[in-house]
């Protein structure tokens, strides 16, 4: 296949904070976060229009690629995102613009990102998510600091430029380590 720019955000199903873990395990929340991202704008601003907007699938260069699967939940629809978050019970009860998690704490996510092009992407994602009531902190650190968090499962959201679709090459990508 043809190599294309790849940018992935991995939500930790087992995030260390219980309330965030509960939110991430709710499909409505995951779908809402996906619909809140303006992939077309990201492509134009950061990739000169070369990024093929997609959601949670393998890229076109992968033998496992499915165009249909790649477009599931990829459409930019912040209104739908807000409705899904409302339906999941994540409301902004105090009127500060940030939704609250099940324990009443602010819905705040930390994205771990290495100091590279990913920072620009994560800054835009932070803006998109804030527009639907989710606050984001960027933890910008060297790969040697962030990868142990990722492989140890102590992250909330992890950005990386791509992942192997071969479970033999990168077992941790497939959760079989």
N, C-alpha and C. Protein backbone atom coordinates (compact mmCIF):
# COMPACT_ATOMS: atom_id res chain seq x y z
N UNK A 1 0.80 -1.19 0.00
CA UNK A 1 0.00 0.00 0.00
C UNK A 1 0.85 1.25 0.00
N UNK A 2 0.19 2.36 -0.21
CA UNK A 2 0.86 3.65 -0.25
C UNK A 2 1.00 4.21 1.15
N UNK A 3 2.23 4.60 1.54
CA UNK A 3 2.40 5.20 2.87
C UNK A 3 1.63 6.52 2.97
N UNK A 4 0.95 6.71 4.06
CA UNK A 4 0.22 7.96 4.30
C UNK A 4 0.54 8.44 5.70
N UNK A 5 0.38 9.75 5.95
CA UNK A 5 0.59 10.22 7.32
C UNK A 5 -0.36 9.53 8.27
N UNK A 6 0.15 9.12 9.40
CA UNK A 6 -0.66 8.44 10.41
C UNK A 6 -0.48 9.16 11.74
N UNK A 7 -1.56 9.38 12.41
CA UNK A 7 -1.53 10.01 13.73
C UNK A 7 -2.57 9.31 14.58
N UNK A 8 -2.14 8.77 15.72
CA UNK A 8 -3.07 8.01 16.54
C UNK A 8 -3.13 8.55 17.96
N UNK A 9 -4.32 8.54 18.50
CA UNK A 9 -4.55 8.84 19.91
C UNK A 9 -5.09 7.57 20.54
N UNK A 10 -4.39 7.06 21.53
CA UNK A 10 -4.81 5.84 22.21
C UNK A 10 -5.38 6.17 23.57
N UNK A 11 -6.64 5.86 23.77
CA UNK A 11 -7.27 6.03 25.07
C UNK A 11 -6.99 4.78 25.89
N UNK A 12 -6.61 4.96 27.13
CA UNK A 12 -6.27 3.84 27.99
C UNK A 12 -7.55 3.29 28.63
N UNK A 13 -7.96 2.14 28.18
CA UNK A 13 -9.14 1.45 28.70
C UNK A 13 -9.00 1.22 30.20
N UNK A 14 -7.76 1.11 30.67
CA UNK A 14 -7.49 0.88 32.09
C UNK A 14 -6.78 2.09 32.71
N UNK A 15 -7.23 3.29 32.37
CA UNK A 15 -6.63 4.52 32.90
C UNK A 15 -6.55 4.44 34.42
N UNK A 16 -5.46 4.97 34.98
CA UNK A 16 -5.26 4.89 36.44
C UNK A 16 -6.39 5.54 37.26
N UNK A 17 -6.97 6.63 36.77
CA UNK A 17 -8.05 7.29 37.52
C UNK A 17 -9.37 6.55 37.25
N UNK A 18 -9.98 6.03 38.29
CA UNK A 18 -11.19 5.21 38.17
C UNK A 18 -12.29 5.91 37.37
N UNK A 19 -12.57 7.17 37.67
CA UNK A 19 -13.68 7.87 37.00
C UNK A 19 -13.40 8.04 35.51
N UNK A 20 -12.14 8.30 35.16
CA UNK A 20 -11.78 8.43 33.75
C UNK A 20 -11.85 7.06 33.07
N UNK A 21 -11.40 6.03 33.76
CA UNK A 21 -11.50 4.67 33.23
C UNK A 21 -12.95 4.33 32.92
N UNK A 22 -13.85 4.66 33.86
CA UNK A 22 -15.28 4.40 33.63
C UNK A 22 -15.78 5.16 32.40
N UNK A 23 -15.35 6.39 32.24
CA UNK A 23 -15.77 7.19 31.09
C UNK A 23 -15.24 6.56 29.79
N UNK A 24 -13.97 6.19 29.75
CA UNK A 24 -13.38 5.61 28.54
C UNK A 24 -14.02 4.28 28.18
N UNK A 25 -14.55 3.56 29.15
CA UNK A 25 -15.17 2.27 28.87
C UNK A 25 -16.60 2.42 28.35
N UNK A 26 -17.10 3.63 28.36
CA UNK A 26 -18.44 3.91 27.83
C UNK A 26 -18.29 4.25 26.34
N UNK A 27 -18.85 3.42 25.50
CA UNK A 27 -18.72 3.61 24.05
C UNK A 27 -19.19 4.99 23.62
N UNK A 28 -20.23 5.52 24.26
CA UNK A 28 -20.73 6.85 23.88
C UNK A 28 -19.65 7.90 24.05
N UNK A 29 -18.84 7.77 25.09
CA UNK A 29 -17.77 8.74 25.34
C UNK A 29 -16.69 8.62 24.28
N UNK A 30 -16.29 7.40 23.96
CA UNK A 30 -15.26 7.21 22.93
C UNK A 30 -15.73 7.72 21.58
N UNK A 31 -16.98 7.43 21.23
CA UNK A 31 -17.53 7.90 19.97
C UNK A 31 -17.63 9.43 19.97
N UNK A 32 -18.05 10.00 21.10
CA UNK A 32 -18.15 11.46 21.22
C UNK A 32 -16.79 12.12 21.02
N UNK A 33 -15.76 11.58 21.64
CA UNK A 33 -14.42 12.16 21.48
C UNK A 33 -13.96 12.08 20.03
N UNK A 34 -14.33 11.00 19.36
CA UNK A 34 -13.96 10.87 17.95
C UNK A 34 -14.69 11.89 17.08
N UNK A 35 -16.00 12.03 17.28
CA UNK A 35 -16.77 12.99 16.48
C UNK A 35 -16.38 14.44 16.77
N UNK A 36 -15.74 14.70 17.87
CA UNK A 36 -15.34 16.07 18.22
C UNK A 36 -14.08 16.52 17.48
N UNK A 37 -13.37 15.61 16.84
CA UNK A 37 -12.12 15.94 16.16
C UNK A 37 -12.38 16.31 14.71
N UNK A 38 -11.92 17.48 14.31
CA UNK A 38 -12.08 17.94 12.93
C UNK A 38 -10.87 17.47 12.11
N UNK A 39 -10.99 16.27 11.58
CA UNK A 39 -9.88 15.65 10.86
C UNK A 39 -9.54 16.36 9.56
N UNK A 40 -10.55 16.90 8.89
CA UNK A 40 -10.29 17.65 7.65
C UNK A 40 -9.43 18.88 7.95
N UNK A 41 -9.77 19.60 9.01
CA UNK A 41 -8.99 20.77 9.39
C UNK A 41 -7.57 20.37 9.79
N UNK A 42 -7.43 19.31 10.56
CA UNK A 42 -6.11 18.80 10.92
C UNK A 42 -5.28 18.52 9.66
N UNK A 43 -5.91 17.86 8.71
CA UNK A 43 -5.22 17.52 7.47
C UNK A 43 -4.73 18.77 6.75
N UNK A 44 -5.59 19.77 6.64
CA UNK A 44 -5.22 21.00 5.92
C UNK A 44 -4.13 21.78 6.66
N UNK A 45 -4.28 21.92 7.96
CA UNK A 45 -3.35 22.75 8.73
C UNK A 45 -1.98 22.09 8.89
N UNK A 46 -1.97 20.80 9.19
CA UNK A 46 -0.71 20.15 9.56
C UNK A 46 -0.12 19.22 8.51
N UNK A 47 -0.96 18.71 7.61
CA UNK A 47 -0.47 17.74 6.63
C UNK A 47 -0.64 18.20 5.19
N UNK A 48 -0.90 19.49 4.97
CA UNK A 48 -1.07 20.03 3.62
C UNK A 48 -2.12 19.24 2.83
N UNK A 49 -3.14 18.78 3.53
CA UNK A 49 -4.23 18.05 2.89
C UNK A 49 -3.94 16.59 2.60
N UNK A 50 -2.82 16.05 3.07
CA UNK A 50 -2.43 14.68 2.75
C UNK A 50 -2.94 13.64 3.73
N UNK A 51 -3.40 14.06 4.90
CA UNK A 51 -3.93 13.11 5.88
C UNK A 51 -5.30 12.64 5.41
N UNK A 52 -5.48 11.34 5.36
CA UNK A 52 -6.79 10.81 5.00
C UNK A 52 -7.58 10.64 6.28
N UNK A 53 -8.59 11.49 6.48
CA UNK A 53 -9.36 11.41 7.72
C UNK A 53 -9.94 10.01 7.94
N UNK A 54 -9.69 9.49 9.12
CA UNK A 54 -10.18 8.16 9.48
C UNK A 54 -10.31 8.11 10.99
N UNK A 55 -10.97 7.07 11.46
CA UNK A 55 -11.08 6.92 12.91
C UNK A 55 -10.27 5.73 13.36
N UNK A 56 -10.86 4.80 14.02
CA UNK A 56 -10.18 3.74 14.77
C UNK A 56 -9.82 2.51 13.95
N UNK A 57 -9.12 2.67 12.85
CA UNK A 57 -8.82 1.49 12.05
C UNK A 57 -7.37 1.51 11.59
N UNK A 58 -6.99 0.45 10.93
CA UNK A 58 -5.68 0.41 10.31
C UNK A 58 -5.66 1.37 9.13
N UNK A 59 -4.48 1.88 8.79
CA UNK A 59 -4.34 2.78 7.65
C UNK A 59 -4.33 2.04 6.33
N UNK A 60 -4.45 2.78 5.23
CA UNK A 60 -4.50 2.18 3.89
C UNK A 60 -3.29 1.30 3.55
N UNK A 61 -2.16 1.52 4.18
CA UNK A 61 -0.97 0.71 3.89
C UNK A 61 -1.05 -0.68 4.53
N UNK A 62 -1.99 -0.89 5.43
CA UNK A 62 -2.09 -2.16 6.15
C UNK A 62 -2.90 -3.19 5.36
N UNK A 63 -2.50 -4.43 5.49
CA UNK A 63 -3.26 -5.51 4.87
C UNK A 63 -4.65 -5.67 5.51
N UNK A 64 -4.84 -5.11 6.71
CA UNK A 64 -6.11 -5.22 7.42
C UNK A 64 -7.04 -4.03 7.18
N UNK A 65 -6.64 -3.11 6.32
CA UNK A 65 -7.40 -1.89 6.09
C UNK A 65 -8.78 -2.17 5.53
N UNK A 66 -9.75 -1.44 6.05
CA UNK A 66 -11.12 -1.47 5.53
C UNK A 66 -11.58 -0.02 5.44
N UNK A 67 -11.89 0.43 4.24
CA UNK A 67 -12.33 1.82 4.09
C UNK A 67 -13.60 2.09 4.89
N UNK A 68 -14.51 1.14 4.89
CA UNK A 68 -15.76 1.30 5.64
C UNK A 68 -15.46 1.47 7.13
N UNK A 69 -14.62 0.61 7.68
CA UNK A 69 -14.28 0.70 9.11
C UNK A 69 -13.54 2.00 9.41
N UNK A 70 -12.72 2.45 8.47
CA UNK A 70 -11.93 3.66 8.73
C UNK A 70 -12.80 4.91 8.87
N UNK A 71 -13.99 4.87 8.31
CA UNK A 71 -14.86 6.04 8.35
C UNK A 71 -15.88 6.00 9.48
N UNK A 72 -15.95 4.88 10.19
CA UNK A 72 -16.87 4.77 11.31
C UNK A 72 -16.46 5.77 12.39
N UNK A 73 -17.35 6.66 12.75
CA UNK A 73 -17.14 7.68 13.79
C UNK A 73 -16.10 8.73 13.40
N UNK A 74 -15.76 8.85 12.13
CA UNK A 74 -14.74 9.82 11.70
C UNK A 74 -15.33 11.18 11.35
N UNK A 75 -16.61 11.27 11.12
CA UNK A 75 -17.22 12.55 10.72
C UNK A 75 -17.14 13.56 11.85
N UNK A 76 -16.75 14.77 11.51
CA UNK A 76 -16.71 15.86 12.49
C UNK A 76 -18.14 16.30 12.77
N UNK A 77 -18.57 16.12 13.99
CA UNK A 77 -19.94 16.46 14.37
C UNK A 77 -19.96 16.81 15.87
N UNK A 78 -19.53 18.05 16.21
CA UNK A 78 -19.47 18.41 17.62
C UNK A 78 -20.82 18.40 18.32
N UNK A 79 -21.90 18.66 17.59
CA UNK A 79 -23.22 18.60 18.22
C UNK A 79 -23.55 17.17 18.64
N UNK A 80 -23.27 16.22 17.78
CA UNK A 80 -23.48 14.81 18.12
C UNK A 80 -22.59 14.43 19.30
N UNK A 81 -21.37 14.92 19.29
CA UNK A 81 -20.44 14.66 20.39
C UNK A 81 -21.03 15.14 21.71
N UNK A 82 -21.56 16.36 21.73
CA UNK A 82 -22.16 16.91 22.96
C UNK A 82 -23.35 16.06 23.41
N UNK A 83 -24.20 15.65 22.46
CA UNK A 83 -25.36 14.84 22.81
C UNK A 83 -24.94 13.50 23.41
N UNK A 84 -23.92 12.87 22.81
CA UNK A 84 -23.44 11.59 23.33
C UNK A 84 -22.87 11.74 24.74
N UNK A 85 -22.12 12.81 24.97
CA UNK A 85 -21.57 13.04 26.31
C UNK A 85 -22.69 13.32 27.31
N UNK A 86 -23.71 14.07 26.88
CA UNK A 86 -24.88 14.30 27.74
C UNK A 86 -25.56 12.97 28.08
N UNK A 87 -25.76 12.13 27.03
CA UNK A 87 -26.42 10.84 27.23
C UNK A 87 -25.63 9.94 28.17
N UNK A 88 -24.29 10.11 28.18
CA UNK A 88 -23.43 9.31 29.06
C UNK A 88 -23.43 9.87 30.48
N UNK A 89 -24.17 10.97 30.72
CA UNK A 89 -24.25 11.55 32.06
C UNK A 89 -23.09 12.45 32.42
N UNK A 90 -22.29 12.82 31.43
CA UNK A 90 -21.15 13.72 31.68
C UNK A 90 -21.60 15.13 31.33
N UNK A 91 -22.07 15.83 32.34
CA UNK A 91 -22.68 17.14 32.16
C UNK A 91 -21.80 18.22 32.80
N UNK A 92 -22.00 19.45 32.33
CA UNK A 92 -21.33 20.59 32.96
C UNK A 92 -22.31 21.17 33.98
N UNK A 93 -22.27 20.63 35.18
CA UNK A 93 -23.26 21.01 36.19
C UNK A 93 -22.95 22.33 36.87
N UNK A 94 -21.70 22.78 36.81
CA UNK A 94 -21.36 24.04 37.49
C UNK A 94 -21.20 25.22 36.52
N UNK A 95 -21.43 24.99 35.22
CA UNK A 95 -21.43 26.08 34.25
C UNK A 95 -20.06 26.66 33.91
N UNK A 96 -18.99 25.93 34.20
CA UNK A 96 -17.65 26.46 33.90
C UNK A 96 -17.14 26.07 32.51
N UNK A 97 -17.98 25.35 31.73
CA UNK A 97 -17.59 24.95 30.37
C UNK A 97 -16.93 23.59 30.31
N UNK A 98 -16.65 23.00 31.46
CA UNK A 98 -16.03 21.67 31.51
C UNK A 98 -17.00 20.70 32.17
N UNK A 99 -17.21 19.58 31.53
CA UNK A 99 -18.10 18.55 32.05
C UNK A 99 -17.49 17.91 33.30
N UNK A 100 -18.33 17.24 34.07
CA UNK A 100 -17.86 16.56 35.26
C UNK A 100 -17.96 15.05 35.06
N UNK A 101 -17.00 14.34 35.65
CA UNK A 101 -17.01 12.88 35.66
C UNK A 101 -17.98 12.39 36.73
N UNK A 102 -18.11 11.09 36.86
CA UNK A 102 -19.11 10.51 37.77
C UNK A 102 -18.92 10.91 39.23
N UNK A 103 -17.70 11.25 39.63
CA UNK A 103 -17.46 11.64 41.02
C UNK A 103 -17.53 13.15 41.23
N UNK A 104 -17.91 13.88 40.18
CA UNK A 104 -18.04 15.33 40.28
C UNK A 104 -16.77 16.09 39.93
N UNK A 105 -15.67 15.39 39.70
CA UNK A 105 -14.43 16.07 39.32
C UNK A 105 -14.50 16.47 37.85
N UNK A 106 -13.75 17.50 37.46
CA UNK A 106 -13.77 17.95 36.07
C UNK A 106 -13.31 16.84 35.11
N UNK A 107 -13.91 16.79 33.95
CA UNK A 107 -13.52 15.84 32.91
C UNK A 107 -12.26 16.39 32.25
N UNK A 108 -11.14 15.99 32.79
CA UNK A 108 -9.83 16.43 32.33
C UNK A 108 -9.04 15.21 31.88
N UNK A 109 -8.43 15.31 30.72
CA UNK A 109 -7.64 14.23 30.15
C UNK A 109 -6.22 14.73 29.97
N UNK A 110 -5.25 13.88 30.27
CA UNK A 110 -3.85 14.18 29.97
C UNK A 110 -3.43 13.37 28.75
N UNK A 111 -2.93 14.08 27.73
CA UNK A 111 -2.39 13.42 26.55
C UNK A 111 -0.87 13.44 26.65
N UNK A 112 -0.27 12.27 26.62
CA UNK A 112 1.19 12.15 26.57
C UNK A 112 1.62 12.23 25.11
N UNK A 113 2.57 13.12 24.84
CA UNK A 113 3.02 13.32 23.46
C UNK A 113 4.50 13.68 23.47
N UNK A 114 5.24 13.14 22.50
CA UNK A 114 6.64 13.49 22.40
C UNK A 114 6.78 14.84 21.70
N UNK A 115 7.87 15.59 21.97
CA UNK A 115 8.04 16.91 21.36
C UNK A 115 8.38 16.79 19.88
N UNK A 116 7.35 16.74 19.07
CA UNK A 116 7.50 16.62 17.62
C UNK A 116 6.23 17.16 16.98
N UNK A 117 5.95 16.73 15.78
CA UNK A 117 4.74 17.17 15.10
C UNK A 117 3.48 16.81 15.89
N UNK A 118 3.55 15.78 16.71
CA UNK A 118 2.40 15.37 17.51
C UNK A 118 1.89 16.44 18.45
N UNK A 119 2.76 17.34 18.88
CA UNK A 119 2.33 18.41 19.78
C UNK A 119 1.31 19.31 19.08
N UNK A 120 1.57 19.65 17.82
CA UNK A 120 0.62 20.48 17.08
C UNK A 120 -0.74 19.79 16.94
N UNK A 121 -0.71 18.51 16.64
CA UNK A 121 -1.95 17.74 16.51
C UNK A 121 -2.70 17.75 17.84
N UNK A 122 -1.97 17.46 18.91
CA UNK A 122 -2.60 17.38 20.23
C UNK A 122 -3.12 18.73 20.71
N UNK A 123 -2.47 19.82 20.32
CA UNK A 123 -3.00 21.14 20.67
C UNK A 123 -4.34 21.39 19.98
N UNK A 124 -4.44 20.99 18.71
CA UNK A 124 -5.72 21.14 18.02
C UNK A 124 -6.78 20.22 18.62
N UNK A 125 -6.41 18.97 18.91
CA UNK A 125 -7.37 18.05 19.54
C UNK A 125 -7.83 18.62 20.88
N UNK A 126 -6.91 19.21 21.62
CA UNK A 126 -7.27 19.84 22.89
C UNK A 126 -8.34 20.91 22.68
N UNK A 127 -8.19 21.72 21.65
CA UNK A 127 -9.19 22.74 21.34
C UNK A 127 -10.53 22.12 20.94
N UNK A 128 -10.49 21.07 20.12
CA UNK A 128 -11.72 20.41 19.69
C UNK A 128 -12.46 19.81 20.89
N UNK A 129 -11.71 19.13 21.76
CA UNK A 129 -12.34 18.49 22.91
C UNK A 129 -12.84 19.54 23.90
N UNK A 130 -12.11 20.63 24.06
CA UNK A 130 -12.58 21.68 24.98
C UNK A 130 -13.91 22.27 24.48
N UNK A 131 -14.07 22.35 23.16
CA UNK A 131 -15.30 22.89 22.59
C UNK A 131 -16.53 22.04 22.93
N UNK A 132 -16.31 20.77 23.30
CA UNK A 132 -17.44 19.92 23.71
C UNK A 132 -17.43 19.66 25.21
N UNK A 133 -16.56 20.40 25.95
CA UNK A 133 -16.60 20.35 27.40
C UNK A 133 -15.59 19.42 28.07
N UNK A 134 -14.54 19.04 27.35
CA UNK A 134 -13.51 18.16 27.91
C UNK A 134 -12.19 18.93 27.92
N UNK A 135 -11.63 19.08 29.10
CA UNK A 135 -10.36 19.79 29.24
C UNK A 135 -9.19 18.83 29.00
N UNK A 136 -8.13 19.35 28.41
CA UNK A 136 -6.96 18.52 28.09
C UNK A 136 -5.70 19.19 28.59
N UNK A 137 -4.85 18.39 29.22
CA UNK A 137 -3.49 18.81 29.57
C UNK A 137 -2.55 18.03 28.66
N UNK A 138 -1.58 18.72 28.09
CA UNK A 138 -0.58 18.04 27.29
C UNK A 138 0.65 17.77 28.15
N UNK A 139 1.05 16.54 28.20
CA UNK A 139 2.28 16.14 28.88
C UNK A 139 3.32 15.90 27.79
N UNK A 140 4.10 16.92 27.50
CA UNK A 140 5.09 16.85 26.43
C UNK A 140 6.42 16.43 27.04
N UNK A 141 6.87 15.24 26.66
CA UNK A 141 8.09 14.70 27.25
C UNK A 141 8.80 13.80 26.24
N UNK A 142 10.04 13.53 26.52
CA UNK A 142 10.83 12.67 25.64
C UNK A 142 10.24 11.26 25.58
N UNK A 143 10.46 10.62 24.45
CA UNK A 143 9.96 9.27 24.23
C UNK A 143 10.41 8.31 25.34
N UNK A 144 11.66 8.45 25.77
CA UNK A 144 12.18 7.55 26.80
C UNK A 144 11.48 7.73 28.14
N UNK A 145 10.81 8.85 28.34
CA UNK A 145 10.03 9.08 29.55
C UNK A 145 8.60 8.56 29.37
N UNK A 146 8.03 8.79 28.18
CA UNK A 146 6.63 8.43 27.94
C UNK A 146 6.40 6.96 27.63
N UNK A 147 7.33 6.33 26.93
CA UNK A 147 7.10 4.93 26.55
C UNK A 147 6.95 4.00 27.75
N UNK A 148 7.72 4.18 28.82
CA UNK A 148 7.47 3.32 29.99
C UNK A 148 6.06 3.52 30.56
N UNK A 149 5.52 4.75 30.50
CA UNK A 149 4.14 4.98 30.95
C UNK A 149 3.18 4.21 30.06
N UNK A 150 3.43 4.27 28.76
CA UNK A 150 2.55 3.59 27.81
C UNK A 150 2.62 2.08 28.01
N UNK A 151 3.82 1.53 28.01
CA UNK A 151 3.94 0.08 28.13
C UNK A 151 3.50 -0.42 29.51
N UNK A 152 3.57 0.46 30.52
CA UNK A 152 3.13 0.08 31.86
C UNK A 152 1.66 0.37 32.12
N UNK A 153 0.98 0.97 31.15
CA UNK A 153 -0.45 1.24 31.30
C UNK A 153 -0.79 2.36 32.26
N UNK A 154 0.15 3.27 32.52
CA UNK A 154 -0.11 4.35 33.48
C UNK A 154 -0.41 5.68 32.80
N UNK A 155 -0.83 5.64 31.55
CA UNK A 155 -1.18 6.84 30.80
C UNK A 155 -2.70 6.98 30.72
N UNK A 156 -3.17 8.15 30.29
CA UNK A 156 -4.59 8.35 30.03
C UNK A 156 -4.85 8.30 28.53
N UNK A 157 -4.16 9.18 27.79
CA UNK A 157 -4.21 9.16 26.32
C UNK A 157 -2.77 9.30 25.84
N UNK A 158 -2.43 8.53 24.83
CA UNK A 158 -1.07 8.53 24.31
C UNK A 158 -1.12 8.82 22.82
N UNK A 159 -0.35 9.81 22.38
CA UNK A 159 -0.26 10.11 20.94
C UNK A 159 1.00 9.47 20.36
N UNK A 160 0.86 8.92 19.17
CA UNK A 160 2.02 8.44 18.43
C UNK A 160 1.72 8.52 16.95
N UNK A 161 2.75 8.50 16.15
CA UNK A 161 2.59 8.70 14.70
C UNK A 161 2.11 7.46 13.98
N UNK A 162 2.17 6.31 14.56
CA UNK A 162 1.67 5.12 13.90
C UNK A 162 2.01 3.89 14.70
N UNK A 163 1.42 2.77 14.33
CA UNK A 163 1.63 1.52 15.04
C UNK A 163 1.76 0.40 14.04
N UNK A 164 2.49 -0.63 14.41
CA UNK A 164 2.64 -1.80 13.55
C UNK A 164 1.34 -2.59 13.54
N UNK A 165 0.99 -3.10 12.36
CA UNK A 165 -0.18 -3.98 12.31
C UNK A 165 0.23 -5.44 12.41
N UNK A 166 1.47 -5.67 12.81
CA UNK A 166 1.98 -7.02 12.97
C UNK A 166 2.18 -7.32 14.46
N UNK A 167 1.36 -8.20 15.04
CA UNK A 167 1.46 -8.46 16.47
C UNK A 167 2.79 -9.09 16.88
N UNK A 168 3.52 -9.67 15.93
CA UNK A 168 4.81 -10.27 16.26
C UNK A 168 5.87 -9.18 16.45
N UNK A 169 5.75 -8.10 15.69
CA UNK A 169 6.74 -7.01 15.74
C UNK A 169 6.59 -6.21 17.02
N UNK A 170 5.39 -5.79 17.34
CA UNK A 170 5.14 -4.95 18.51
C UNK A 170 4.00 -5.55 19.34
N UNK A 171 4.33 -6.49 20.16
CA UNK A 171 3.32 -7.20 20.95
C UNK A 171 2.52 -6.26 21.83
N UNK A 172 3.18 -5.20 22.37
CA UNK A 172 2.49 -4.28 23.26
C UNK A 172 1.40 -3.50 22.53
N UNK A 173 1.55 -3.29 21.21
CA UNK A 173 0.50 -2.61 20.45
C UNK A 173 -0.80 -3.41 20.45
N UNK A 174 -0.66 -4.70 20.58
CA UNK A 174 -1.80 -5.61 20.48
C UNK A 174 -2.27 -6.08 21.85
N UNK A 175 -1.66 -5.60 22.92
CA UNK A 175 -2.08 -5.97 24.27
C UNK A 175 -1.81 -7.42 24.60
N UNK A 176 -0.73 -7.99 24.03
CA UNK A 176 -0.43 -9.39 24.30
C UNK A 176 0.92 -9.55 24.99
N UNK A 177 1.33 -8.55 25.74
CA UNK A 177 2.60 -8.63 26.45
C UNK A 177 2.39 -8.95 27.89
